[in-house]
């Protein structure tokens, strides 16, 4: 019997991508916090997954505000997405205040990494051994990763209430939306 002949029901579900990405943030942050060695890669993962989760979240709520979200989704930066969603809902916020400041910061970081190239980097070594630089690598520190990931989670938790949009219960990875027979 073929596999197709054995299938009695098919289901369709909605996967909440931002929740999957937050799961990756949580795993990477725990790994970094429990590491006795270099945390660079885990912090890099935390920051990138935080940026991706934030944009995936905006792409989740966008269609609730704009019925024709698809063209906007492809043309707007994450900051522009939040600006147009907030403006449409009459919500005001400041990019200079948390958690919006961290969103802008992590999106800048993501863009720097996405378009990274070989470059000469100026850096300073502090007396405690930390390295200070304006290069994207300097963001890959545990305190920065913890701060930004917490801000992105706060944004995802509070923004739906402010905007009056619907999101699934926290940590919901997927929900069945239909049974196809």
N, C-alpha and C. Protein backbone atom coordinates (compact mmCIF):
# COMPACT_ATOMS: atom_id res chain seq x y z
N UNK A 1 0.84 -1.17 0.00
CA UNK A 1 0.00 0.00 0.00
C UNK A 1 0.90 1.24 0.00
N UNK A 2 0.57 2.19 -0.85
CA UNK A 2 1.35 3.42 -0.91
C UNK A 2 1.02 4.31 0.28
N UNK A 3 1.93 5.22 0.55
CA UNK A 3 1.70 6.14 1.68
C UNK A 3 0.44 6.96 1.46
N UNK A 4 0.21 7.40 0.23
CA UNK A 4 -0.98 8.19 -0.07
C UNK A 4 -2.25 7.40 0.23
N UNK A 5 -2.24 6.09 0.00
CA UNK A 5 -3.41 5.27 0.25
C UNK A 5 -3.65 5.09 1.75
N UNK A 6 -2.62 5.22 2.58
CA UNK A 6 -2.75 5.05 4.03
C UNK A 6 -3.25 6.31 4.73
N UNK A 7 -3.14 7.45 4.10
CA UNK A 7 -3.55 8.71 4.72
C UNK A 7 -5.07 8.77 4.78
N UNK A 8 -5.62 8.94 5.97
CA UNK A 8 -7.07 9.03 6.12
C UNK A 8 -7.53 10.47 6.30
N UNK A 9 -6.69 11.32 6.87
CA UNK A 9 -7.03 12.73 7.06
C UNK A 9 -5.78 13.57 6.89
N UNK A 10 -5.97 14.75 6.39
CA UNK A 10 -4.89 15.74 6.32
C UNK A 10 -5.32 16.94 7.14
N UNK A 11 -4.36 17.58 7.73
CA UNK A 11 -4.64 18.76 8.56
C UNK A 11 -3.83 19.93 8.05
N UNK A 12 -4.36 21.09 8.26
CA UNK A 12 -3.66 22.32 7.93
C UNK A 12 -3.47 23.09 9.24
N UNK A 13 -2.28 23.61 9.44
CA UNK A 13 -2.03 24.36 10.65
C UNK A 13 -1.31 25.65 10.32
N UNK A 14 -1.41 26.59 11.24
CA UNK A 14 -0.72 27.88 11.10
C UNK A 14 0.48 27.86 12.02
N UNK A 15 1.65 28.02 11.45
CA UNK A 15 2.90 28.05 12.23
C UNK A 15 3.23 29.51 12.53
N UNK A 16 3.45 29.79 13.80
CA UNK A 16 3.80 31.15 14.23
C UNK A 16 5.32 31.26 14.24
N UNK A 17 5.87 31.72 13.13
CA UNK A 17 7.32 31.73 12.95
C UNK A 17 8.04 32.51 14.03
N UNK A 18 7.47 33.61 14.46
CA UNK A 18 8.16 34.41 15.48
C UNK A 18 8.35 33.63 16.77
N UNK A 19 7.41 32.73 17.09
CA UNK A 19 7.54 31.93 18.30
C UNK A 19 8.67 30.91 18.16
N UNK A 20 8.80 30.31 16.99
CA UNK A 20 9.91 29.39 16.74
C UNK A 20 11.25 30.13 16.87
N UNK A 21 11.30 31.34 16.35
CA UNK A 21 12.53 32.12 16.43
C UNK A 21 12.84 32.52 17.87
N UNK A 22 11.81 32.84 18.64
CA UNK A 22 12.03 33.14 20.07
C UNK A 22 12.53 31.90 20.82
N UNK A 23 12.08 30.72 20.39
CA UNK A 23 12.57 29.49 21.00
C UNK A 23 14.08 29.37 20.76
N UNK A 24 14.52 29.73 19.56
CA UNK A 24 15.96 29.71 19.26
C UNK A 24 16.70 30.76 20.09
N UNK A 25 16.09 31.91 20.32
CA UNK A 25 16.68 32.94 21.18
C UNK A 25 16.89 32.37 22.58
N UNK A 26 15.84 31.75 23.12
CA UNK A 26 15.91 31.21 24.49
C UNK A 26 17.00 30.15 24.62
N UNK A 27 17.07 29.27 23.65
CA UNK A 27 18.09 28.21 23.71
C UNK A 27 19.49 28.80 23.64
N UNK A 28 19.69 29.76 22.75
CA UNK A 28 21.02 30.38 22.60
C UNK A 28 21.41 31.19 23.82
N UNK A 29 20.45 31.89 24.41
CA UNK A 29 20.77 32.70 25.59
C UNK A 29 21.12 31.79 26.77
N UNK A 30 20.39 30.69 26.93
CA UNK A 30 20.73 29.74 28.01
C UNK A 30 22.11 29.15 27.80
N UNK A 31 22.42 28.81 26.55
CA UNK A 31 23.74 28.25 26.25
C UNK A 31 24.83 29.26 26.57
N UNK A 32 24.61 30.50 26.21
CA UNK A 32 25.60 31.55 26.48
C UNK A 32 25.76 31.77 27.98
N UNK A 33 24.64 31.78 28.71
CA UNK A 33 24.69 32.01 30.16
C UNK A 33 25.37 30.86 30.90
N UNK A 34 25.26 29.66 30.35
CA UNK A 34 25.85 28.49 31.01
C UNK A 34 27.24 28.14 30.51
N UNK A 35 27.74 28.91 29.57
CA UNK A 35 29.05 28.62 28.99
C UNK A 35 30.17 29.15 29.87
N UNK A 36 31.19 28.35 30.00
CA UNK A 36 32.38 28.80 30.73
C UNK A 36 33.43 29.32 29.76
N UNK A 37 33.14 29.17 28.47
CA UNK A 37 34.08 29.63 27.45
C UNK A 37 33.47 30.78 26.66
N UNK A 38 34.02 31.02 25.52
CA UNK A 38 33.61 32.11 24.66
C UNK A 38 32.12 32.01 24.30
N UNK A 39 31.39 33.09 24.45
CA UNK A 39 29.96 33.11 24.17
C UNK A 39 29.63 33.82 22.85
N UNK A 40 30.65 34.14 22.08
CA UNK A 40 30.45 34.94 20.87
C UNK A 40 29.37 34.37 19.95
N UNK A 41 29.47 33.11 19.59
CA UNK A 41 28.54 32.52 18.62
C UNK A 41 27.13 32.49 19.18
N UNK A 42 26.98 32.12 20.45
CA UNK A 42 25.64 32.09 21.04
C UNK A 42 25.05 33.50 21.10
N UNK A 43 25.84 34.49 21.42
CA UNK A 43 25.35 35.87 21.45
C UNK A 43 24.99 36.35 20.05
N UNK A 44 25.79 35.99 19.07
CA UNK A 44 25.46 36.29 17.67
C UNK A 44 24.11 35.69 17.32
N UNK A 45 23.89 34.43 17.70
CA UNK A 45 22.61 33.76 17.43
C UNK A 45 21.46 34.49 18.13
N UNK A 46 21.64 34.85 19.39
CA UNK A 46 20.60 35.55 20.14
C UNK A 46 20.20 36.83 19.42
N UNK A 47 21.18 37.60 19.01
CA UNK A 47 20.89 38.88 18.37
C UNK A 47 20.22 38.69 17.01
N UNK A 48 20.74 37.78 16.21
CA UNK A 48 20.13 37.55 14.89
C UNK A 48 18.72 36.98 15.01
N UNK A 49 18.54 35.98 15.87
CA UNK A 49 17.21 35.41 16.04
C UNK A 49 16.24 36.42 16.64
N UNK A 50 16.72 37.31 17.50
CA UNK A 50 15.86 38.37 18.05
C UNK A 50 15.39 39.30 16.93
N UNK A 51 16.28 39.68 16.05
CA UNK A 51 15.91 40.55 14.93
C UNK A 51 14.91 39.84 14.01
N UNK A 52 15.18 38.58 13.73
CA UNK A 52 14.28 37.83 12.85
C UNK A 52 12.92 37.61 13.50
N UNK A 53 12.90 37.34 14.81
CA UNK A 53 11.63 37.15 15.52
C UNK A 53 10.81 38.44 15.50
N UNK A 54 11.46 39.57 15.71
CA UNK A 54 10.75 40.85 15.70
C UNK A 54 10.11 41.10 14.35
N UNK A 55 10.84 40.87 13.28
CA UNK A 55 10.26 41.10 11.95
C UNK A 55 9.17 40.09 11.64
N UNK A 56 9.36 38.83 12.03
CA UNK A 56 8.32 37.83 11.82
C UNK A 56 7.05 38.21 12.58
N UNK A 57 7.21 38.77 13.78
CA UNK A 57 6.07 39.21 14.56
C UNK A 57 5.34 40.35 13.85
N UNK A 58 6.09 41.31 13.33
CA UNK A 58 5.46 42.41 12.59
C UNK A 58 4.73 41.88 11.37
N UNK A 59 5.29 40.87 10.73
CA UNK A 59 4.63 40.26 9.58
C UNK A 59 3.41 39.44 10.00
N UNK A 60 3.34 39.05 11.26
CA UNK A 60 2.15 38.37 11.77
C UNK A 60 1.02 39.36 12.01
N UNK A 61 1.34 40.50 12.60
CA UNK A 61 0.28 41.46 12.92
C UNK A 61 -0.07 42.37 11.75
N UNK A 62 0.83 42.53 10.81
CA UNK A 62 0.59 43.41 9.67
C UNK A 62 -0.71 43.14 8.92
N UNK A 63 -1.00 41.87 8.57
CA UNK A 63 -2.24 41.59 7.83
C UNK A 63 -3.52 41.90 8.62
N UNK A 64 -3.42 41.97 9.94
CA UNK A 64 -4.60 42.33 10.73
C UNK A 64 -4.92 43.81 10.61
N UNK A 65 -3.90 44.58 10.27
CA UNK A 65 -4.07 46.03 10.15
C UNK A 65 -4.28 46.43 8.68
N UNK A 66 -3.57 45.76 7.79
CA UNK A 66 -3.64 46.06 6.36
C UNK A 66 -4.02 44.80 5.60
N UNK A 67 -5.21 44.76 5.01
CA UNK A 67 -5.64 43.57 4.26
C UNK A 67 -4.68 43.20 3.13
N UNK A 68 -4.02 44.17 2.57
CA UNK A 68 -3.07 43.92 1.48
C UNK A 68 -1.63 44.12 1.99
N UNK A 69 -1.26 43.33 2.98
CA UNK A 69 0.03 43.45 3.64
C UNK A 69 1.18 42.97 2.76
N UNK A 70 0.95 42.01 1.90
CA UNK A 70 2.02 41.35 1.14
C UNK A 70 2.95 42.34 0.43
N UNK A 71 2.46 43.31 -0.33
CA UNK A 71 3.40 44.24 -0.98
C UNK A 71 4.16 45.10 0.02
N UNK A 72 3.49 45.48 1.12
CA UNK A 72 4.16 46.29 2.14
C UNK A 72 5.27 45.48 2.81
N UNK A 73 4.98 44.23 3.09
CA UNK A 73 5.92 43.35 3.77
C UNK A 73 7.25 43.28 3.03
N UNK A 74 7.18 43.27 1.73
CA UNK A 74 8.40 43.12 0.93
C UNK A 74 9.16 44.42 0.72
N UNK A 75 8.46 45.56 0.87
CA UNK A 75 9.10 46.84 0.58
C UNK A 75 9.59 47.59 1.80
N UNK A 76 8.99 47.33 2.95
CA UNK A 76 9.29 48.13 4.14
C UNK A 76 10.34 47.46 5.02
N UNK A 77 11.17 48.28 5.64
CA UNK A 77 12.09 47.78 6.66
C UNK A 77 11.27 47.44 7.90
N UNK A 78 11.83 46.70 8.85
CA UNK A 78 11.09 46.42 10.08
C UNK A 78 10.64 47.70 10.80
N UNK A 79 11.50 48.70 10.85
CA UNK A 79 11.11 49.95 11.51
C UNK A 79 9.95 50.61 10.77
N UNK A 80 10.00 50.61 9.45
CA UNK A 80 8.91 51.20 8.67
C UNK A 80 7.62 50.41 8.86
N UNK A 81 7.74 49.08 8.96
CA UNK A 81 6.55 48.26 9.21
C UNK A 81 5.88 48.67 10.50
N UNK A 82 6.68 48.80 11.57
CA UNK A 82 6.11 49.19 12.85
C UNK A 82 5.53 50.60 12.77
N UNK A 83 6.21 51.50 12.10
CA UNK A 83 5.71 52.87 11.96
C UNK A 83 4.34 52.90 11.29
N UNK A 84 4.17 52.17 10.17
CA UNK A 84 2.88 52.22 9.46
C UNK A 84 1.78 51.50 10.23
N UNK A 85 2.13 50.40 10.89
CA UNK A 85 1.14 49.68 11.70
C UNK A 85 0.68 50.58 12.85
N UNK A 86 1.63 51.17 13.55
CA UNK A 86 1.29 52.04 14.69
C UNK A 86 0.48 53.25 14.22
N UNK A 87 0.88 53.86 13.12
CA UNK A 87 0.16 55.03 12.61
C UNK A 87 -1.28 54.67 12.24
N UNK A 88 -1.46 53.50 11.62
CA UNK A 88 -2.80 53.07 11.23
C UNK A 88 -3.69 52.83 12.44
N UNK A 89 -3.08 52.45 13.56
CA UNK A 89 -3.84 52.19 14.79
C UNK A 89 -3.87 53.40 15.72
N UNK A 90 -3.23 54.50 15.31
CA UNK A 90 -3.21 55.72 16.12
C UNK A 90 -2.35 55.61 17.37
N UNK A 91 -1.35 54.73 17.32
CA UNK A 91 -0.47 54.52 18.47
C UNK A 91 0.82 55.31 18.24
N UNK A 92 1.24 56.02 19.26
CA UNK A 92 2.49 56.78 19.18
C UNK A 92 3.51 56.15 20.12
N UNK A 93 4.77 56.14 19.68
CA UNK A 93 5.86 55.63 20.50
C UNK A 93 7.12 56.38 20.10
N UNK A 94 8.17 56.20 20.87
CA UNK A 94 9.44 56.88 20.60
C UNK A 94 10.51 55.84 20.29
N UNK A 95 11.19 56.02 19.17
CA UNK A 95 12.31 55.13 18.83
C UNK A 95 13.46 55.29 19.81
N UNK A 96 13.44 56.33 20.63
CA UNK A 96 14.49 56.54 21.62
C UNK A 96 14.21 55.88 22.96
N UNK A 97 13.05 55.24 23.09
CA UNK A 97 12.67 54.58 24.35
C UNK A 97 12.62 53.07 24.14
N UNK A 98 12.82 52.34 25.23
CA UNK A 98 12.72 50.88 25.16
C UNK A 98 11.26 50.47 25.07
N UNK A 99 10.95 49.41 24.40
CA UNK A 99 11.81 48.45 23.71
C UNK A 99 12.12 48.83 22.26
N UNK A 100 11.61 49.97 21.81
CA UNK A 100 11.77 50.38 20.41
C UNK A 100 13.22 50.69 20.07
N UNK A 101 13.93 51.26 21.03
CA UNK A 101 15.35 51.56 20.81
C UNK A 101 16.13 50.27 20.55
N UNK A 102 15.84 49.22 21.31
CA UNK A 102 16.52 47.94 21.09
C UNK A 102 16.13 47.32 19.76
N UNK A 103 14.88 47.49 19.36
CA UNK A 103 14.47 46.99 18.04
C UNK A 103 15.29 47.65 16.95
N UNK A 104 15.42 48.97 17.00
CA UNK A 104 16.22 49.68 16.00
C UNK A 104 17.67 49.20 16.04
N UNK A 105 18.18 49.03 17.24
CA UNK A 105 19.58 48.60 17.41
C UNK A 105 19.81 47.19 16.83
N UNK A 106 18.91 46.26 17.11
CA UNK A 106 19.11 44.89 16.66
C UNK A 106 18.89 44.78 15.14
N UNK A 107 18.03 45.60 14.58
CA UNK A 107 17.85 45.60 13.13
C UNK A 107 19.09 46.17 12.45
N UNK A 108 19.68 47.23 13.02
CA UNK A 108 20.95 47.76 12.49
C UNK A 108 22.01 46.67 12.53
N UNK A 109 22.09 45.95 13.66
CA UNK A 109 23.05 44.86 13.81
C UNK A 109 22.82 43.79 12.74
N UNK A 110 21.58 43.37 12.59
CA UNK A 110 21.27 42.35 11.58
C UNK A 110 21.70 42.79 10.19
N UNK A 111 21.44 44.06 9.86
CA UNK A 111 21.84 44.57 8.55
C UNK A 111 23.35 44.60 8.38
N UNK A 112 24.06 44.96 9.44
CA UNK A 112 25.53 44.94 9.38
C UNK A 112 26.06 43.54 9.15
N UNK A 113 25.48 42.56 9.82
CA UNK A 113 25.91 41.17 9.66
C UNK A 113 25.51 40.65 8.28
N UNK A 114 24.30 40.96 7.85
CA UNK A 114 23.82 40.48 6.54
C UNK A 114 24.66 41.01 5.39
N UNK A 115 25.23 42.18 5.56
CA UNK A 115 26.03 42.80 4.50
C UNK A 115 27.50 42.90 4.89
N UNK A 116 27.92 42.01 5.79
CA UNK A 116 29.30 42.05 6.29
C UNK A 116 30.30 41.78 5.17
N UNK A 117 31.46 42.34 5.36
CA UNK A 117 32.56 42.13 4.41
C UNK A 117 33.86 42.19 5.19
N UNK A 118 34.89 41.74 4.56
CA UNK A 118 36.21 41.82 5.18
C UNK A 118 36.56 43.29 5.34
N UNK A 119 36.99 43.64 6.55
CA UNK A 119 37.27 45.04 6.84
C UNK A 119 38.34 45.16 7.91
N UNK A 120 39.03 46.27 7.93
CA UNK A 120 39.99 46.55 9.00
C UNK A 120 39.21 47.17 10.15
N UNK A 121 39.45 46.67 11.35
CA UNK A 121 38.68 47.08 12.51
C UNK A 121 39.59 47.75 13.53
N UNK A 122 39.18 48.93 14.00
CA UNK A 122 39.86 49.59 15.11
C UNK A 122 39.21 49.12 16.39
N UNK A 123 40.01 48.81 17.39
CA UNK A 123 39.47 48.39 18.67
C UNK A 123 40.37 48.83 19.80
N UNK A 124 39.77 48.86 20.99
CA UNK A 124 40.49 49.23 22.21
C UNK A 124 40.28 48.11 23.22
N UNK A 125 41.36 47.74 23.91
CA UNK A 125 41.26 46.74 24.98
C UNK A 125 41.20 47.49 26.30
N UNK A 126 40.13 47.24 27.06
CA UNK A 126 39.96 47.88 28.36
C UNK A 126 40.75 47.13 29.43
N UNK A 127 40.92 47.76 30.56
CA UNK A 127 41.70 47.16 31.64
C UNK A 127 41.10 45.84 32.14
N UNK A 128 39.79 45.65 31.98
CA UNK A 128 39.17 44.39 32.42
C UNK A 128 39.23 43.31 31.33
N UNK A 129 39.88 43.62 30.22
CA UNK A 129 40.06 42.63 29.16
C UNK A 129 39.01 42.70 28.06
N UNK A 130 37.94 43.49 28.28
CA UNK A 130 36.92 43.61 27.24
C UNK A 130 37.46 44.41 26.07
N UNK A 131 36.95 44.08 24.90
CA UNK A 131 37.34 44.77 23.68
C UNK A 131 36.19 45.69 23.27
N UNK A 132 36.50 46.92 22.96
CA UNK A 132 35.51 47.90 22.52
C UNK A 132 35.79 48.26 21.07
N UNK A 133 34.76 48.19 20.26
CA UNK A 133 34.88 48.49 18.84
C UNK A 133 33.52 48.90 18.32
N UNK A 134 33.49 49.58 17.20
CA UNK A 134 32.22 49.92 16.58
C UNK A 134 31.82 48.86 15.56
N UNK A 135 32.65 47.86 15.35
CA UNK A 135 32.36 46.79 14.41
C UNK A 135 31.23 45.90 14.95
N UNK A 136 30.45 45.26 14.07
CA UNK A 136 29.31 44.45 14.51
C UNK A 136 29.70 43.37 15.52
N UNK A 137 30.93 42.88 15.45
CA UNK A 137 31.36 41.83 16.38
C UNK A 137 31.29 42.29 17.84
N UNK A 138 31.45 43.58 18.06
CA UNK A 138 31.46 44.09 19.44
C UNK A 138 30.10 43.95 20.12
N UNK A 139 29.04 43.77 19.35
CA UNK A 139 27.71 43.58 19.94
C UNK A 139 27.54 42.18 20.53
N UNK A 140 28.36 41.24 20.12
CA UNK A 140 28.20 39.83 20.50
C UNK A 140 28.74 39.57 21.90
N UNK A 141 28.15 40.24 22.86
CA UNK A 141 28.51 40.10 24.27
C UNK A 141 27.24 39.73 25.04
N UNK A 142 27.40 38.96 26.08
CA UNK A 142 26.26 38.44 26.82
C UNK A 142 25.34 39.54 27.34
N UNK A 143 25.89 40.59 27.92
CA UNK A 143 25.03 41.65 28.46
C UNK A 143 24.20 42.32 27.37
N UNK A 144 24.79 42.51 26.21
CA UNK A 144 24.06 43.12 25.08
C UNK A 144 22.98 42.16 24.59
N UNK A 145 23.33 40.89 24.43
CA UNK A 145 22.37 39.90 23.95
C UNK A 145 21.20 39.75 24.92
N UNK A 146 21.49 39.74 26.22
CA UNK A 146 20.42 39.62 27.22
C UNK A 146 19.49 40.84 27.18
N UNK A 147 20.09 42.02 27.11
CA UNK A 147 19.30 43.26 27.10
C UNK A 147 18.39 43.33 25.87
N UNK A 148 18.98 43.06 24.72
CA UNK A 148 18.20 43.20 23.49
C UNK A 148 17.14 42.11 23.38
N UNK A 149 17.48 40.88 23.72
CA UNK A 149 16.48 39.81 23.61
C UNK A 149 15.33 40.06 24.58
N UNK A 150 15.61 40.56 25.78
CA UNK A 150 14.54 40.88 26.74
C UNK A 150 13.65 42.00 26.19
N UNK A 151 14.24 42.99 25.55
CA UNK A 151 13.46 44.09 24.98
C UNK A 151 12.57 43.62 23.84
N UNK A 152 13.10 42.75 23.00
CA UNK A 152 12.30 42.24 21.87
C UNK A 152 11.14 41.40 22.40
N UNK A 153 11.40 40.59 23.41
CA UNK A 153 10.31 39.81 24.01
C UNK A 153 9.26 40.73 24.63
N UNK A 154 9.70 41.79 25.28
CA UNK A 154 8.76 42.75 25.87
C UNK A 154 7.92 43.40 24.78
N UNK A 155 8.54 43.74 23.67
CA UNK A 155 7.83 44.34 22.54
C UNK A 155 6.76 43.38 22.03
N UNK A 156 7.13 42.13 21.84
CA UNK A 156 6.20 41.14 21.32
C UNK A 156 5.07 40.87 22.31
N UNK A 157 5.35 41.01 23.58
CA UNK A 157 4.34 40.76 24.61
C UNK A 157 3.37 41.94 24.75
N UNK A 158 3.88 43.16 24.68
CA UNK A 158 3.04 44.33 24.97
C UNK A 158 2.40 44.97 23.74
N UNK A 159 3.04 44.85 22.60
CA UNK A 159 2.56 45.54 21.40
C UNK A 159 1.14 45.13 20.98
N UNK A 160 0.77 43.85 21.05
CA UNK A 160 -0.60 43.50 20.65
C UNK A 160 -1.67 44.26 21.43
N UNK A 161 -1.46 44.43 22.73
CA UNK A 161 -2.44 45.16 23.55
C UNK A 161 -2.51 46.62 23.11
N UNK A 162 -1.34 47.22 22.89
CA UNK A 162 -1.29 48.62 22.48
C UNK A 162 -1.98 48.83 21.13
N UNK A 163 -1.79 47.87 20.22
CA UNK A 163 -2.31 48.01 18.86
C UNK A 163 -3.71 47.42 18.69
N UNK A 164 -4.15 46.63 19.66
CA UNK A 164 -5.45 46.00 19.54
C UNK A 164 -5.48 44.91 18.48
N UNK A 165 -4.39 44.14 18.38
CA UNK A 165 -4.34 43.03 17.42
C UNK A 165 -4.36 41.71 18.19
N UNK A 166 -4.68 40.66 17.47
CA UNK A 166 -4.81 39.34 18.08
C UNK A 166 -3.56 38.52 17.83
N UNK A 167 -3.07 37.92 18.89
CA UNK A 167 -1.93 36.99 18.78
C UNK A 167 -2.28 35.74 19.58
N UNK A 168 -1.68 34.62 19.24
CA UNK A 168 -1.95 33.42 20.02
C UNK A 168 -1.37 33.53 21.42
N UNK A 169 -1.81 32.63 22.29
CA UNK A 169 -1.26 32.57 23.64
C UNK A 169 0.25 32.44 23.56
N UNK A 170 0.96 33.04 24.51
CA UNK A 170 2.43 33.02 24.52
C UNK A 170 2.95 31.59 24.34
N UNK A 171 4.03 31.47 23.61
CA UNK A 171 4.74 30.21 23.35
C UNK A 171 3.98 29.23 22.47
N UNK A 172 2.90 29.66 21.83
CA UNK A 172 2.19 28.79 20.90
C UNK A 172 2.99 28.71 19.61
N UNK A 173 3.40 27.51 19.27
CA UNK A 173 4.19 27.33 18.05
C UNK A 173 3.30 27.23 16.81
N UNK A 174 2.16 26.57 16.96
CA UNK A 174 1.27 26.36 15.81
C UNK A 174 -0.12 26.06 16.32
N UNK A 175 -1.09 26.23 15.42
CA UNK A 175 -2.48 25.92 15.75
C UNK A 175 -3.14 25.33 14.51
N UNK A 176 -3.93 24.29 14.73
CA UNK A 176 -4.65 23.69 13.61
C UNK A 176 -5.72 24.66 13.14
N UNK A 177 -5.79 24.84 11.82
CA UNK A 177 -6.79 25.77 11.30
C UNK A 177 -7.86 25.05 10.48
N UNK A 178 -7.58 23.83 10.02
CA UNK A 178 -8.62 23.07 9.31
C UNK A 178 -8.22 21.62 9.17
N UNK A 179 -9.22 20.81 8.95
CA UNK A 179 -8.99 19.40 8.65
C UNK A 179 -9.40 19.20 7.21
N UNK A 180 -8.49 18.69 6.41
CA UNK A 180 -8.76 18.44 5.00
C UNK A 180 -8.88 16.94 4.82
N UNK A 181 -10.03 16.49 4.31
CA UNK A 181 -10.19 15.03 4.13
C UNK A 181 -10.10 14.64 2.68
